[in-house]
């Protein structure tokens, strides 16, 4: 009986696509690569995984949301590029 090895995945459960490049902020894969990941061969997955660190390093970072609690605790003023939902 042949046992199959687990499928490697670069997913870190930070699933959000950067609009300019179309790559995931967390793993660096494109939507098509994410959707087709299970159908790729081990070699295809390894080839893609070799390119991911460079892709992720080039992504424009998603602005962090400053919460009301963070501002109260540390006196952090919201940045202009920060999504702040506490005033709604």
PDB file of N, CA and C in Angstrom:
ATOM      1  N   UNK A   1       0.833  -1.175   0.000  1.00  0.00           N
ATOM      2  CA  UNK A   1       0.000   0.000   0.000  1.00  0.00           C
ATOM      3  C   UNK A   1       0.880   1.243   0.000  1.00  0.00           C
ATOM      4  N   UNK A   2       0.610   2.155  -0.907  1.00  0.00           N
ATOM      5  CA  UNK A   2       1.391   3.376  -1.027  1.00  0.00           C
ATOM      6  C   UNK A   2       0.735   4.488  -0.220  1.00  0.00           C
ATOM      7  N   UNK A   3       1.543   5.130   0.594  1.00  0.00           N
ATOM      8  CA  UNK A   3       1.000   6.258   1.361  1.00  0.00           C
ATOM      9  C   UNK A   3       1.410   7.543   0.670  1.00  0.00           C
ATOM     10  N   UNK A   4       0.499   8.466   0.589  1.00  0.00           N
ATOM     11  CA  UNK A   4       0.810   9.740  -0.048  1.00  0.00           C
ATOM     12  C   UNK A   4       1.306  10.725   1.000  1.00  0.00           C
ATOM     13  N   UNK A   5       2.239  11.559   0.594  1.00  0.00           N
ATOM     14  CA  UNK A   5       2.765  12.555   1.514  1.00  0.00           C
ATOM     15  C   UNK A   5       1.814  13.742   1.548  1.00  0.00           C
ATOM     16  N   UNK A   6       1.799  14.481   2.644  1.00  0.00           N
ATOM     17  CA  UNK A   6       0.917  15.649   2.730  1.00  0.00           C
ATOM     18  C   UNK A   6       1.302  16.688   1.675  1.00  0.00           C
ATOM     19  N   UNK A   7       0.326  17.425   1.212  1.00  0.00           N
ATOM     20  CA  UNK A   7       0.559  18.456   0.214  1.00  0.00           C
ATOM     21  C   UNK A   7       1.120  19.691   0.913  1.00  0.00           C
ATOM     22  N   UNK A   8       2.257  20.166   0.412  1.00  0.00           N
ATOM     23  CA  UNK A   8       2.854  21.390   0.955  1.00  0.00           C
ATOM     24  C   UNK A   8       1.969  22.577   0.592  1.00  0.00           C
ATOM     25  N   UNK A   9       1.878  23.505   1.510  1.00  0.00           N
ATOM     26  CA  UNK A   9       1.100  24.707   1.251  1.00  0.00           C
ATOM     27  C   UNK A   9       1.772  25.897   1.930  1.00  0.00           C
ATOM     28  N   UNK A  10       1.865  27.022   1.242  1.00  0.00           N
ATOM     29  CA  UNK A  10       2.432  28.226   1.848  1.00  0.00           C
ATOM     30  C   UNK A  10       1.409  29.043   2.629  1.00  0.00           C
ATOM     31  N   UNK A  11       0.172  28.588   2.685  1.00  0.00           N
ATOM     32  CA  UNK A  11      -0.906  29.339   3.315  1.00  0.00           C
ATOM     33  C   UNK A  11      -0.607  29.578   4.795  1.00  0.00           C
ATOM     34  N   UNK A  12      -0.784  30.835   5.229  1.00  0.00           N
ATOM     35  CA  UNK A  12      -0.620  31.184   6.644  1.00  0.00           C
ATOM     36  C   UNK A  12      -1.925  31.745   7.212  1.00  0.00           C
ATOM     37  N   UNK A  13      -3.017  31.508   6.505  1.00  0.00           N
ATOM     38  CA  UNK A  13      -4.361  31.913   6.921  1.00  0.00           C
ATOM     39  C   UNK A  13      -4.525  33.427   7.024  1.00  0.00           C
ATOM     40  N   UNK A  14      -3.796  34.148   6.194  1.00  0.00           N
ATOM     41  CA  UNK A  14      -3.986  35.588   6.031  1.00  0.00           C
ATOM     42  C   UNK A  14      -4.430  35.749   4.586  1.00  0.00           C
ATOM     43  N   UNK A  15      -5.695  35.538   4.356  1.00  0.00           N
ATOM     44  CA  UNK A  15      -6.210  35.435   2.989  1.00  0.00           C
ATOM     45  C   UNK A  15      -6.854  36.745   2.548  1.00  0.00           C
ATOM     46  N   UNK A  16      -6.044  37.556   1.884  1.00  0.00           N
ATOM     47  CA  UNK A  16      -6.527  38.816   1.328  1.00  0.00           C
ATOM     48  C   UNK A  16      -5.672  39.121   0.107  1.00  0.00           C
ATOM     49  N   UNK A  17      -6.309  39.499  -0.982  1.00  0.00           N
ATOM     50  CA  UNK A  17      -5.608  39.737  -2.236  1.00  0.00           C
ATOM     51  C   UNK A  17      -5.237  41.215  -2.373  1.00  0.00           C
ATOM     52  N   UNK A  18      -3.972  41.476  -2.676  1.00  0.00           N
ATOM     53  CA  UNK A  18      -3.502  42.830  -2.925  1.00  0.00           C
ATOM     54  C   UNK A  18      -3.979  43.224  -4.316  1.00  0.00           C
ATOM     55  N   UNK A  19      -4.750  44.311  -4.449  1.00  0.00           N
ATOM     56  CA  UNK A  19      -5.407  44.633  -5.710  1.00  0.00           C
ATOM     57  C   UNK A  19      -4.470  44.917  -6.882  1.00  0.00           C
ATOM     58  N   UNK A  20      -3.323  45.508  -6.632  1.00  0.00           N
ATOM     59  CA  UNK A  20      -2.428  45.874  -7.726  1.00  0.00           C
ATOM     60  C   UNK A  20      -1.814  44.652  -8.403  1.00  0.00           C
ATOM     61  N   UNK A  21      -1.247  43.756  -7.615  1.00  0.00           N
ATOM     62  CA  UNK A  21      -0.556  42.585  -8.175  1.00  0.00           C
ATOM     63  C   UNK A  21      -1.474  41.381  -8.348  1.00  0.00           C
ATOM     64  N   UNK A  22      -2.526  41.318  -7.524  1.00  0.00           N
ATOM     65  CA  UNK A  22      -3.399  40.153  -7.550  1.00  0.00           C
ATOM     66  C   UNK A  22      -2.866  38.980  -6.737  1.00  0.00           C
ATOM     67  N   UNK A  23      -1.868  39.253  -5.878  1.00  0.00           N
ATOM     68  CA  UNK A  23      -1.284  38.200  -5.046  1.00  0.00           C
ATOM     69  C   UNK A  23      -1.784  38.320  -3.608  1.00  0.00           C
ATOM     70  N   UNK A  24      -1.851  37.190  -2.931  1.00  0.00           N
ATOM     71  CA  UNK A  24      -2.300  37.135  -1.545  1.00  0.00           C
ATOM     72  C   UNK A  24      -1.261  37.777  -0.628  1.00  0.00           C
ATOM     73  N   UNK A  25      -1.705  38.620   0.317  1.00  0.00           N
ATOM     74  CA  UNK A  25      -0.813  39.236   1.290  1.00  0.00           C
ATOM     75  C   UNK A  25      -0.115  38.183   2.143  1.00  0.00           C
ATOM     76  N   UNK A  26      -0.798  37.098   2.449  1.00  0.00           N
ATOM     77  CA  UNK A  26      -0.247  36.083   3.337  1.00  0.00           C
ATOM     78  C   UNK A  26       0.752  35.164   2.676  1.00  0.00           C
ATOM     79  N   UNK A  27       0.371  34.552   1.552  1.00  0.00           N
ATOM     80  CA  UNK A  27       1.234  33.532   0.949  1.00  0.00           C
ATOM     81  C   UNK A  27       1.902  33.962  -0.346  1.00  0.00           C
ATOM     82  N   UNK A  28       1.366  34.979  -1.012  1.00  0.00           N
ATOM     83  CA  UNK A  28       1.966  35.452  -2.248  1.00  0.00           C
ATOM     84  C   UNK A  28       1.429  34.812  -3.518  1.00  0.00           C
ATOM     85  N   UNK A  29       0.515  33.852  -3.366  1.00  0.00           N
ATOM     86  CA  UNK A  29      -0.023  33.192  -4.562  1.00  0.00           C
ATOM     87  C   UNK A  29      -1.116  34.029  -5.215  1.00  0.00           C
ATOM     88  N   UNK A  30      -1.315  33.801  -6.516  1.00  0.00           N
ATOM     89  CA  UNK A  30      -2.412  34.442  -7.235  1.00  0.00           C
ATOM     90  C   UNK A  30      -3.698  33.665  -6.960  1.00  0.00           C
ATOM     91  N   UNK A  31      -4.828  34.238  -7.322  1.00  0.00           N
ATOM     92  CA  UNK A  31      -6.110  33.533  -7.154  1.00  0.00           C
ATOM     93  C   UNK A  31      -6.112  32.214  -7.922  1.00  0.00           C
ATOM     94  N   UNK A  32      -5.588  32.247  -9.155  1.00  0.00           N
ATOM     95  CA  UNK A  32      -5.550  31.030  -9.972  1.00  0.00           C
ATOM     96  C   UNK A  32      -4.673  29.959  -9.329  1.00  0.00           C
ATOM     97  N   UNK A  33      -3.544  30.365  -8.777  1.00  0.00           N
ATOM     98  CA  UNK A  33      -2.660  29.397  -8.116  1.00  0.00           C
ATOM     99  C   UNK A  33      -3.329  28.815  -6.877  1.00  0.00           C
ATOM    100  N   UNK A  34      -4.011  29.652  -6.124  1.00  0.00           N
ATOM    101  CA  UNK A  34      -4.720  29.156  -4.930  1.00  0.00           C
ATOM    102  C   UNK A  34      -5.798  28.157  -5.342  1.00  0.00           C
ATOM    103  N   UNK A  35      -6.574  28.511  -6.363  1.00  0.00           N
ATOM    104  CA  UNK A  35      -7.670  27.648  -6.809  1.00  0.00           C
ATOM    105  C   UNK A  35      -7.171  26.334  -7.384  1.00  0.00           C
ATOM    106  N   UNK A  36      -6.013  26.350  -8.031  1.00  0.00           N
ATOM    107  CA  UNK A  36      -5.506  25.143  -8.704  1.00  0.00           C
ATOM    108  C   UNK A  36      -4.487  24.372  -7.870  1.00  0.00           C
ATOM    109  N   UNK A  37      -4.199  24.817  -6.668  1.00  0.00           N
ATOM    110  CA  UNK A  37      -3.118  24.255  -5.852  1.00  0.00           C
ATOM    111  C   UNK A  37      -3.204  22.733  -5.724  1.00  0.00           C
ATOM    112  N   UNK A  38      -4.375  22.209  -5.492  1.00  0.00           N
ATOM    113  CA  UNK A  38      -4.531  20.755  -5.295  1.00  0.00           C
ATOM    114  C   UNK A  38      -4.274  19.964  -6.578  1.00  0.00           C
ATOM    115  N   UNK A  39      -4.433  20.590  -7.734  1.00  0.00           N
ATOM    116  CA  UNK A  39      -4.249  19.862  -8.994  1.00  0.00           C
ATOM    117  C   UNK A  39      -2.812  19.938  -9.506  1.00  0.00           C
ATOM    118  N   UNK A  40      -1.974  20.778  -8.907  1.00  0.00           N
ATOM    119  CA  UNK A  40      -0.578  20.879  -9.326  1.00  0.00           C
ATOM    120  C   UNK A  40       0.207  19.656  -8.857  1.00  0.00           C
ATOM    121  N   UNK A  41       1.248  19.333  -9.604  1.00  0.00           N
ATOM    122  CA  UNK A  41       2.152  18.261  -9.177  1.00  0.00           C
ATOM    123  C   UNK A  41       3.034  18.801  -8.053  1.00  0.00           C
ATOM    124  N   UNK A  42       3.728  17.891  -7.358  1.00  0.00           N
ATOM    125  CA  UNK A  42       4.638  18.322  -6.285  1.00  0.00           C
ATOM    126  C   UNK A  42       5.698  19.267  -6.843  1.00  0.00           C
ATOM    127  N   UNK A  43       6.223  18.959  -8.042  1.00  0.00           N
ATOM    128  CA  UNK A  43       7.244  19.812  -8.652  1.00  0.00           C
ATOM    129  C   UNK A  43       6.702  21.195  -8.994  1.00  0.00           C
ATOM    130  N   UNK A  44       5.480  21.260  -9.499  1.00  0.00           N
ATOM    131  CA  UNK A  44       4.867  22.558  -9.818  1.00  0.00           C
ATOM    132  C   UNK A  44       4.684  23.391  -8.556  1.00  0.00           C
ATOM    133  N   UNK A  45       4.208  22.753  -7.486  1.00  0.00           N
ATOM    134  CA  UNK A  45       4.034  23.472  -6.217  1.00  0.00           C
ATOM    135  C   UNK A  45       5.376  23.971  -5.687  1.00  0.00           C
ATOM    136  N   UNK A  46       6.407  23.112  -5.757  1.00  0.00           N
ATOM    137  CA  UNK A  46       7.734  23.522  -5.283  1.00  0.00           C
ATOM    138  C   UNK A  46       8.270  24.706  -6.081  1.00  0.00           C
ATOM    139  N   UNK A  47       8.069  24.682  -7.394  1.00  0.00           N
ATOM    140  CA  UNK A  47       8.526  25.780  -8.259  1.00  0.00           C
ATOM    141  C   UNK A  47       7.841  27.083  -7.884  1.00  0.00           C
ATOM    142  N   UNK A  48       6.541  27.032  -7.677  1.00  0.00           N
ATOM    143  CA  UNK A  48       5.793  28.233  -7.281  1.00  0.00           C
ATOM    144  C   UNK A  48       6.256  28.711  -5.908  1.00  0.00           C
ATOM    145  N   UNK A  49       6.423  27.772  -4.980  1.00  0.00           N
ATOM    146  CA  UNK A  49       6.817  28.145  -3.617  1.00  0.00           C
ATOM    147  C   UNK A  49       8.176  28.836  -3.577  1.00  0.00           C
ATOM    148  N   UNK A  50       9.066  28.518  -4.521  1.00  0.00           N
ATOM    149  CA  UNK A  50      10.369  29.179  -4.568  1.00  0.00           C
ATOM    150  C   UNK A  50      10.235  30.661  -4.904  1.00  0.00           C
ATOM    151  N   UNK A  51       9.191  31.045  -5.634  1.00  0.00           N
ATOM    152  CA  UNK A  51       9.009  32.439  -6.051  1.00  0.00           C
ATOM    153  C   UNK A  51       8.261  33.281  -5.017  1.00  0.00           C
ATOM    154  N   UNK A  52       7.606  32.637  -4.072  1.00  0.00           N
ATOM    155  CA  UNK A  52       6.715  33.350  -3.159  1.00  0.00           C
ATOM    156  C   UNK A  52       7.394  34.351  -2.227  1.00  0.00           C
ATOM    157  N   UNK A  53       8.540  34.043  -1.619  1.00  0.00           N
ATOM    158  CA  UNK A  53       9.148  35.047  -0.732  1.00  0.00           C
ATOM    159  C   UNK A  53       9.430  36.375  -1.444  1.00  0.00           C
ATOM    160  N   UNK A  54       9.895  36.314  -2.673  1.00  0.00           N
ATOM    161  CA  UNK A  54      10.156  37.541  -3.424  1.00  0.00           C
ATOM    162  C   UNK A  54       8.858  38.282  -3.728  1.00  0.00           C
ATOM    163  N   UNK A  55       7.814  37.530  -4.100  1.00  0.00           N
ATOM    164  CA  UNK A  55       6.514  38.152  -4.377  1.00  0.00           C
ATOM    165  C   UNK A  55       5.982  38.885  -3.163  1.00  0.00           C
ATOM    166  N   UNK A  56       6.003  38.200  -2.015  1.00  0.00           N
ATOM    167  CA  UNK A  56       5.459  38.786  -0.784  1.00  0.00           C
ATOM    168  C   UNK A  56       6.251  40.034  -0.393  1.00  0.00           C
ATOM    169  N   UNK A  57       7.564  39.994  -0.595  1.00  0.00           N
ATOM    170  CA  UNK A  57       8.385  41.153  -0.226  1.00  0.00           C
ATOM    171  C   UNK A  57       8.065  42.378  -1.081  1.00  0.00           C
ATOM    172  N   UNK A  58       7.520  42.184  -2.273  1.00  0.00           N
ATOM    173  CA  UNK A  58       7.198  43.290  -3.169  1.00  0.00           C
ATOM    174  C   UNK A  58       5.771  43.814  -2.989  1.00  0.00           C
ATOM    175  N   UNK A  59       4.954  43.120  -2.220  1.00  0.00           N
ATOM    176  CA  UNK A  59       3.572  43.555  -2.033  1.00  0.00           C
ATOM    177  C   UNK A  59       3.520  44.848  -1.232  1.00  0.00           C
ATOM    178  N   UNK A  60       2.645  45.724  -1.647  1.00  0.00           N
ATOM    179  CA  UNK A  60       2.404  46.943  -0.884  1.00  0.00           C
ATOM    180  C   UNK A  60       1.639  46.517   0.357  1.00  0.00           C
ATOM    181  N   UNK A  61       2.144  46.877   1.499  1.00  0.00           N
ATOM    182  CA  UNK A  61       1.543  46.416   2.751  1.00  0.00           C
ATOM    183  C   UNK A  61       0.163  46.993   2.964  1.00  0.00           C
ATOM    184  N   UNK A  62      -0.715  46.139   3.420  1.00  0.00           N
ATOM    185  CA  UNK A  62      -2.078  46.533   3.736  1.00  0.00           C
ATOM    186  C   UNK A  62      -2.045  47.407   4.988  1.00  0.00           C
ATOM    187  N   UNK A  63      -2.680  48.568   4.960  1.00  0.00           N
ATOM    188  CA  UNK A  63      -2.663  49.422   6.153  1.00  0.00           C
ATOM    189  C   UNK A  63      -3.337  48.727   7.330  1.00  0.00           C
ATOM    190  N   UNK A  64      -2.740  48.873   8.490  1.00  0.00           N
ATOM    191  CA  UNK A  64      -3.296  48.262   9.695  1.00  0.00           C
ATOM    192  C   UNK A  64      -4.376  49.161  10.263  1.00  0.00           C
ATOM    193  N   UNK A  65      -5.411  48.541  10.740  1.00  0.00           N
ATOM    194  CA  UNK A  65      -6.515  49.282  11.338  1.00  0.00           C
ATOM    195  C   UNK A  65      -6.153  49.616  12.781  1.00  0.00           C
ATOM    196  N   UNK A  66      -6.303  50.867  13.144  1.00  0.00           N
ATOM    197  CA  UNK A  66      -6.049  51.293  14.515  1.00  0.00           C
ATOM    198  C   UNK A  66      -7.383  51.247  15.244  1.00  0.00           C
ATOM    199  N   UNK A  67      -7.428  50.465  16.302  1.00  0.00           N
ATOM    200  CA  UNK A  67      -8.670  50.329  17.052  1.00  0.00           C
ATOM    201  C   UNK A  67      -8.760  51.401  18.137  1.00  0.00           C
ATOM    202  N   UNK A  68      -9.959  51.628  18.595  1.00  0.00           N
ATOM    203  CA  UNK A  68     -10.190  52.598  19.672  1.00  0.00           C
ATOM    204  C   UNK A  68      -9.411  52.175  20.918  1.00  0.00           C
ATOM    205  N   UNK A  69      -9.389  50.888  21.199  1.00  0.00           N
ATOM    206  CA  UNK A  69      -8.673  50.381  22.373  1.00  0.00           C
ATOM    207  C   UNK A  69      -7.180  50.687  22.271  1.00  0.00           C
ATOM    208  N   UNK A  70      -6.586  50.526  21.059  1.00  0.00           N
ATOM    209  CA  UNK A  70      -5.167  50.834  20.878  1.00  0.00           C
ATOM    210  C   UNK A  70      -4.900  52.315  21.107  1.00  0.00           C
ATOM    211  N   UNK A  71      -5.781  53.169  20.608  1.00  0.00           N
ATOM    212  CA  UNK A  71      -5.592  54.602  20.803  1.00  0.00           C
ATOM    213  C   UNK A  71      -5.695  54.969  22.279  1.00  0.00           C
ATOM    214  N   UNK A  72      -6.652  54.377  22.976  1.00  0.00           N
ATOM    215  CA  UNK A  72      -6.856  54.682  24.395  1.00  0.00           C
ATOM    216  C   UNK A  72      -5.652  54.200  25.221  1.00  0.00           C
ATOM    217  N   UNK A  73      -5.146  53.026  24.885  1.00  0.00           N
ATOM    218  CA  UNK A  73      -4.059  52.434  25.651  1.00  0.00           C
ATOM    219  C   UNK A  73      -2.735  53.142  25.411  1.00  0.00           C
ATOM    220  N   UNK A  74      -2.447  53.476  24.157  1.00  0.00           N
ATOM    221  CA  UNK A  74      -1.124  54.003  23.861  1.00  0.00           C
ATOM    222  C   UNK A  74      -1.103  55.402  23.320  1.00  0.00           C
ATOM    223  N   UNK A  75      -2.248  56.044  23.255  1.00  0.00           N
ATOM    224  CA  UNK A  75      -2.274  57.381  22.715  1.00  0.00           C
ATOM    225  C   UNK A  75      -1.932  57.427  21.237  1.00  0.00           C
ATOM    226  N   UNK A  76      -2.213  56.352  20.510  1.00  0.00           N
ATOM    227  CA  UNK A  76      -1.891  56.287  19.096  1.00  0.00           C
ATOM    228  C   UNK A  76      -2.934  57.068  18.309  1.00  0.00           C
ATOM    229  N   UNK A  77      -2.479  58.030  17.542  1.00  0.00           N
ATOM    230  CA  UNK A  77      -3.379  58.800  16.681  1.00  0.00           C
ATOM    231  C   UNK A  77      -3.566  58.038  15.376  1.00  0.00           C
ATOM    232  N   UNK A  78      -4.781  58.001  14.836  1.00  0.00           N
ATOM    233  CA  UNK A  78      -4.986  57.291  13.575  1.00  0.00           C
ATOM    234  C   UNK A  78      -4.212  57.951  12.446  1.00  0.00           C
ATOM    235  N   UNK A  79      -3.593  57.115  11.602  1.00  0.00           N
ATOM    236  CA  UNK A  79      -2.894  57.623  10.428  1.00  0.00           C
ATOM    237  C   UNK A  79      -3.906  57.864   9.328  1.00  0.00           C
ATOM    238  N   UNK A  80      -3.554  58.710   8.384  1.00  0.00           N
ATOM    239  CA  UNK A  80      -4.480  59.029   7.292  1.00  0.00           C
ATOM    240  C   UNK A  80      -4.758  57.822   6.416  1.00  0.00           C
ATOM    241  N   UNK A  81      -3.770  56.912   6.267  1.00  0.00           N
ATOM    242  CA  UNK A  81      -3.959  55.749   5.403  1.00  0.00           C
ATOM    243  C   UNK A  81      -4.508  54.543   6.160  1.00  0.00           C
ATOM    244  N   UNK A  82      -4.906  54.748   7.411  1.00  0.00           N
ATOM    245  CA  UNK A  82      -5.385  53.651   8.228  1.00  0.00           C
ATOM    246  C   UNK A  82      -6.905  53.605   8.237  1.00  0.00           C
ATOM    247  N   UNK A  83      -7.432  52.438   8.075  1.00  0.00           N
ATOM    248  CA  UNK A  83      -8.867  52.243   8.142  1.00  0.00           C
ATOM    249  C   UNK A  83      -9.276  52.264   9.611  1.00  0.00           C
ATOM    250  N   UNK A  84     -10.095  53.184   9.979  1.00  0.00           N
ATOM    251  CA  UNK A  84     -10.534  53.309  11.375  1.00  0.00           C
ATOM    252  C   UNK A  84     -12.057  53.247  11.396  1.00  0.00           C
ATOM    253  N   UNK A  85     -12.580  52.143  11.895  1.00  0.00           N
ATOM    254  CA  UNK A  85     -14.017  51.933  11.912  1.00  0.00           C
ATOM    255  C   UNK A  85     -14.648  52.352  13.224  1.00  0.00           C
ATOM    256  N   UNK A  86     -13.843  52.825  14.179  1.00  0.00           N
ATOM    257  CA  UNK A  86     -14.390  53.136  15.504  1.00  0.00           C
ATOM    258  C   UNK A  86     -15.240  54.392  15.514  1.00  0.00           C
ATOM    259  N   UNK A  87     -15.080  55.262  14.533  1.00  0.00           N
ATOM    260  CA  UNK A  87     -15.850  56.508  14.521  1.00  0.00           C
ATOM    261  C   UNK A  87     -17.227  56.338  13.880  1.00  0.00           C
ATOM    262  N   UNK A  88     -17.511  55.169  13.367  1.00  0.00           N
ATOM    263  CA  UNK A  88     -18.808  54.928  12.702  1.00  0.00           C
ATOM    264  C   UNK A  88     -19.885  54.689  13.710  1.00  0.00           C
TER     265      UNK A  88
END
